[in-house]
Protein backbone atom coordinates (compact mmCIF):
# COMPACT_ATOMS: atom_id res chain seq x y z
CA UNK A 1 23.24 -9.11 0.37
CA UNK A 2 19.72 -9.52 -0.79
CA UNK A 3 17.83 -12.45 -0.46
CA UNK A 4 17.27 -14.76 -3.44
CA UNK A 5 13.61 -15.11 -4.68
CA UNK A 6 12.10 -18.06 -6.46
CA UNK A 7 9.24 -16.62 -8.39
CA UNK A 8 6.48 -18.90 -9.60
CA UNK A 9 3.97 -17.80 -12.07
CA UNK A 10 0.43 -17.58 -11.21
CA UNK A 11 -2.86 -16.01 -12.07
CA UNK A 12 -4.56 -13.09 -10.64
CA UNK A 13 -7.58 -15.08 -9.46
CA UNK A 14 -5.48 -17.56 -7.64
CA UNK A 15 -3.15 -15.21 -6.55
CA UNK A 16 -6.11 -13.01 -4.89
CA UNK A 17 -7.42 -16.34 -3.23
CA UNK A 18 -4.01 -17.19 -1.88
CA UNK A 19 -3.59 -13.79 -0.19
CA UNK A 20 -7.24 -13.98 1.04
CA UNK A 21 -6.50 -17.09 2.55
CA UNK A 22 -3.23 -15.70 4.48
CA UNK A 23 -5.24 -12.78 5.51
CA UNK A 24 -8.05 -14.82 6.93
CA UNK A 25 -5.23 -16.72 9.07
CA UNK A 26 -3.66 -13.29 10.32
CA UNK A 27 -3.35 -12.74 13.84
CA UNK A 28 -2.48 -8.99 14.40
CA UNK A 29 1.10 -8.94 15.70
CA UNK A 30 0.23 -6.64 18.67
CA UNK A 31 -2.80 -8.53 19.85
CA UNK A 32 -5.34 -6.01 18.21
CA UNK A 33 -8.37 -6.79 16.66
CA UNK A 34 -8.16 -5.07 13.26
CA UNK A 35 -5.71 -7.22 10.50
CA UNK A 36 -3.66 -4.54 8.72
CA UNK A 37 -2.49 -5.33 5.20
CA UNK A 38 -0.47 -2.85 2.95
CA UNK A 39 -0.37 -3.36 -0.77
CA UNK A 40 2.59 -1.25 -2.04
CA UNK A 41 3.54 -0.51 -5.45
CA UNK A 42 4.26 2.25 -8.09
CA UNK A 43 1.02 3.57 -9.63
CA UNK A 44 2.22 1.96 -12.67
CA UNK A 45 1.83 -1.47 -11.07
CA UNK A 46 -1.42 -0.44 -9.96
CA UNK A 47 -1.81 -1.61 -6.23
CA UNK A 48 -5.12 -0.42 -6.13
CA UNK A 49 -6.32 -3.12 -8.49
CA UNK A 50 -5.04 -6.18 -6.31
CA UNK A 51 -6.74 -4.16 -3.34
CA UNK A 52 -10.05 -4.13 -5.16
CA UNK A 53 -9.74 -7.71 -6.04
CA UNK A 54 -8.76 -8.70 -2.29
CA UNK A 55 -11.44 -6.56 -0.91
CA UNK A 56 -14.02 -8.41 -3.03
CA UNK A 57 -12.70 -11.85 -2.34
CA UNK A 58 -12.83 -11.38 1.51
CA UNK A 59 -16.33 -10.07 1.15
CA UNK A 60 -17.44 -12.70 -0.53
CA UNK A 61 -15.97 -14.59 2.31
CA UNK A 62 -17.98 -13.06 4.83
CA UNK A 63 -15.06 -10.32 6.12
CA UNK A 64 -15.63 -6.93 6.46
CA UNK A 65 -13.00 -4.76 4.76
CA UNK A 66 -11.91 -0.86 5.05
CA UNK A 67 -9.87 0.31 1.86
CA UNK A 68 -7.58 3.09 2.63
CA UNK A 69 -5.77 4.70 -0.59
CA UNK A 70 -2.27 6.35 0.50
CA UNK A 71 -2.99 9.20 -2.19
CA UNK A 72 -6.07 10.29 0.05
CA UNK A 73 -3.48 10.88 2.79
CA UNK A 74 -1.00 13.31 0.99
CA UNK A 75 0.15 16.14 2.69
CA UNK A 76 -1.03 19.71 1.50
CA UNK A 77 0.29 21.20 -1.51
CA UNK A 78 2.03 24.02 0.37
CA UNK A 79 4.04 21.44 2.09
CA UNK A 80 4.77 18.53 -0.34
CA UNK A 81 5.45 20.74 -3.15
CA UNK A 82 7.84 23.07 -1.29
CA UNK A 83 10.62 22.25 -3.51
CA UNK A 84 8.68 22.33 -6.83
CA UNK A 85 6.18 19.95 -8.36
CA UNK A 86 8.84 17.39 -9.64
CA UNK A 87 11.18 16.95 -6.91
CA UNK A 88 11.95 13.09 -6.72
CA UNK A 89 13.44 13.52 -3.05
CA UNK A 90 10.34 15.39 -1.80
CA UNK A 91 8.12 12.66 -3.60
CA UNK A 92 9.79 9.95 -1.49
CA UNK A 93 10.27 11.75 1.64
CA UNK A 94 7.53 14.62 2.11
CA UNK A 95 4.32 13.92 -0.13
CA UNK A 96 2.74 11.22 2.13
CA UNK A 97 1.59 12.43 5.46
CA UNK A 98 2.58 9.64 7.61
CA UNK A 99 1.33 11.29 10.89
CA UNK A 100 -1.96 11.59 9.69
CA UNK A 101 -2.19 7.93 8.84
CA UNK A 102 -0.77 7.13 12.23
CA UNK A 103 -3.59 9.49 13.85
CA UNK A 104 -6.33 8.66 11.70
CA UNK A 105 -5.94 5.26 10.81
CA UNK A 106 -3.38 3.13 12.58
CA UNK A 107 -3.61 4.39 16.27
CA UNK A 108 -7.29 3.87 16.46
CA UNK A 109 -6.71 0.13 15.55
CA UNK A 110 -4.05 -0.23 18.03
CA UNK A 111 -5.04 -2.85 20.93
CA UNK A 112 -7.65 -1.24 23.14
CA UNK A 113 -8.19 1.53 20.26
CA UNK A 114 -11.48 2.75 19.19
CA UNK A 115 -11.86 1.34 15.95
CA UNK A 116 -12.84 4.93 14.65
CA UNK A 117 -10.84 5.63 11.62
CA UNK A 118 -10.91 8.42 8.92
CA UNK A 119 -11.04 6.77 5.18
CA UNK A 120 -9.69 9.77 3.78
CA UNK A 121 -8.44 13.17 4.25
CA UNK A 122 -7.80 15.06 1.49
CA UNK A 123 -8.76 15.05 -2.18
CA UNK A 124 -5.47 14.67 -4.30
CA UNK A 125 -6.83 16.55 -7.13
CA UNK A 126 -8.37 19.67 -5.43
CA UNK A 127 -5.97 19.81 -2.40
CA UNK A 128 -9.08 20.33 -0.17
CA UNK A 129 -10.49 18.32 2.81
CA UNK A 130 -12.69 15.60 1.80
CA UNK A 131 -14.68 16.07 5.02
CA UNK A 132 -15.57 12.32 5.31
CA UNK A 133 -17.02 11.34 8.30
CA UNK A 134 -15.24 8.70 10.71
CA UNK A 135 -16.00 5.06 10.26
CA UNK A 136 -16.33 2.61 13.32
CA UNK A 137 -14.75 -0.63 12.31
CA UNK A 138 -16.11 -3.76 13.69
CA UNK A 139 -13.58 -6.24 15.22
CA UNK A 140 -11.88 -8.50 12.82
CA UNK A 141 -12.52 -5.94 9.84
CA UNK A 142 -9.61 -6.20 7.47
CA UNK A 143 -7.63 -2.88 6.48
CA UNK A 144 -6.16 -2.59 3.29
CA UNK A 145 -4.03 0.28 2.59
CA UNK A 146 -2.68 0.62 -1.15
CA UNK A 147 -0.26 3.03 -2.73
CA UNK A 148 3.37 3.88 -3.49
CA UNK A 149 6.38 3.89 -1.32
CA UNK A 150 4.60 2.52 1.62
CA UNK A 151 7.44 0.46 3.22
CA UNK A 152 10.06 1.49 5.52
CA UNK A 153 7.83 3.95 7.49
CA UNK A 154 7.17 1.96 10.77
CA UNK A 155 3.64 1.45 10.00
CA UNK A 156 2.18 -1.43 12.18
CA UNK A 157 1.46 -3.84 9.48
CA UNK A 158 0.78 -7.33 9.90
CA UNK A 159 1.17 -8.26 6.31
CA UNK A 160 2.88 -6.37 3.36
CA UNK A 161 2.73 -7.39 -0.37
CA UNK A 162 5.05 -5.48 -2.67
CA UNK A 163 4.30 -5.12 -6.43
CA UNK A 164 7.68 -5.26 -7.93
CA UNK A 165 8.63 -3.81 -11.71
CA UNK A 166 12.09 -4.04 -12.99
CA UNK A 167 13.60 -0.69 -13.65
CA UNK A 168 13.00 -1.19 -17.39
CA UNK A 169 9.63 -2.01 -16.68
CA UNK A 170 8.79 0.80 -14.46
CA UNK A 171 10.15 3.30 -16.93
CA UNK A 172 8.24 1.76 -19.62
CA UNK A 173 4.98 1.63 -17.95
CA UNK A 174 5.29 4.99 -16.30
CA UNK A 175 3.54 8.01 -18.09
CA UNK A 176 5.42 10.87 -19.50
CA UNK A 177 4.02 13.03 -16.82
CA UNK A 178 5.65 10.98 -14.11
CA UNK A 179 8.96 10.15 -15.39
CA UNK A 180 10.32 12.44 -12.88
CA UNK A 181 9.38 10.01 -10.28
CA UNK A 182 11.67 7.40 -11.34
CA UNK A 183 14.63 8.48 -9.02
CA UNK A 184 12.51 8.40 -6.17
CA UNK A 185 11.72 4.83 -6.85
CA UNK A 186 15.54 3.93 -7.31
CA UNK A 187 15.97 5.67 -3.95
CA UNK A 188 13.46 3.27 -2.39
CA UNK A 189 14.84 0.24 -3.95
CA UNK A 190 18.42 1.38 -2.61
CA UNK A 191 17.42 2.47 0.89
CA UNK A 192 14.37 0.49 1.69
CA UNK A 193 14.77 -2.65 -0.20
CA UNK A 194 10.80 -3.19 -0.76
CA UNK A 195 11.83 -7.00 -1.88
CA UNK A 196 13.43 -7.81 1.36
CA UNK A 197 11.22 -5.85 3.57
CA UNK A 198 7.77 -7.12 2.00
CA UNK A 199 6.18 -10.38 3.44
CA UNK A 200 5.11 -11.20 -0.24
CA UNK A 201 6.55 -10.23 -3.52
CA UNK A 202 4.73 -10.12 -6.71
CA UNK A 203 6.48 -9.36 -10.06
CA UNK A 204 4.24 -7.62 -12.49
CA UNK A 205 6.55 -6.75 -15.31
CA UNK A 206 3.94 -8.62 -17.53
CA UNK A 207 0.57 -7.28 -15.94
CA UNK A 208 -1.13 -10.19 -17.34
CA UNK A 209 1.36 -12.78 -16.10
CA UNK A 210 2.43 -12.13 -12.49
CA UNK A 211 4.72 -14.09 -10.72
CA UNK A 212 5.36 -14.44 -6.93
CA UNK A 213 7.24 -15.81 -3.96
CA UNK A 214 5.39 -18.54 -2.63
CA UNK A 215 4.55 -18.01 0.93
């Protein structure tokens, strides 16, 4: 039985400030030096926008931030499109290169890690390596990972935020070219239960008037 959430309306600026407050209080669960935060949501929910707001707010407060976009860590097209360009199961299970994220982002931020991360791996449009250089993250730098279908992958995260869309809102706000992904999100909801897995849930059916479970 799923948990009952009491969602309260909140403005985006206030939500950003509240999340930044919580991030500033974070102590990495494994004793590391780099707080790791995931902003999870379908592309129709625009998790990258919240990541941008949070990054700006944290930098205004004097915190260093490293943003990572999950779309920059997709497997090569030959692997992720093995079952076709519009296979929803492959979209959920095979598109994101979990191993690369562990290797290039999370493992370097383990306790005693080098702090040397790769900000992106592959251009999702050209399917070519970005050839970006590694970045040395100073202790205390906040990692912000944004993208879709991020939970349930055993990523070592200290705070998870899920941007929730009802099935009707998700279908309505997903473009014609991406309607084929809807069964993947239905599976994600059924198997991963992101509203239960996430620390913070923000309902964004109306993008101008979010609501959240108060933390």
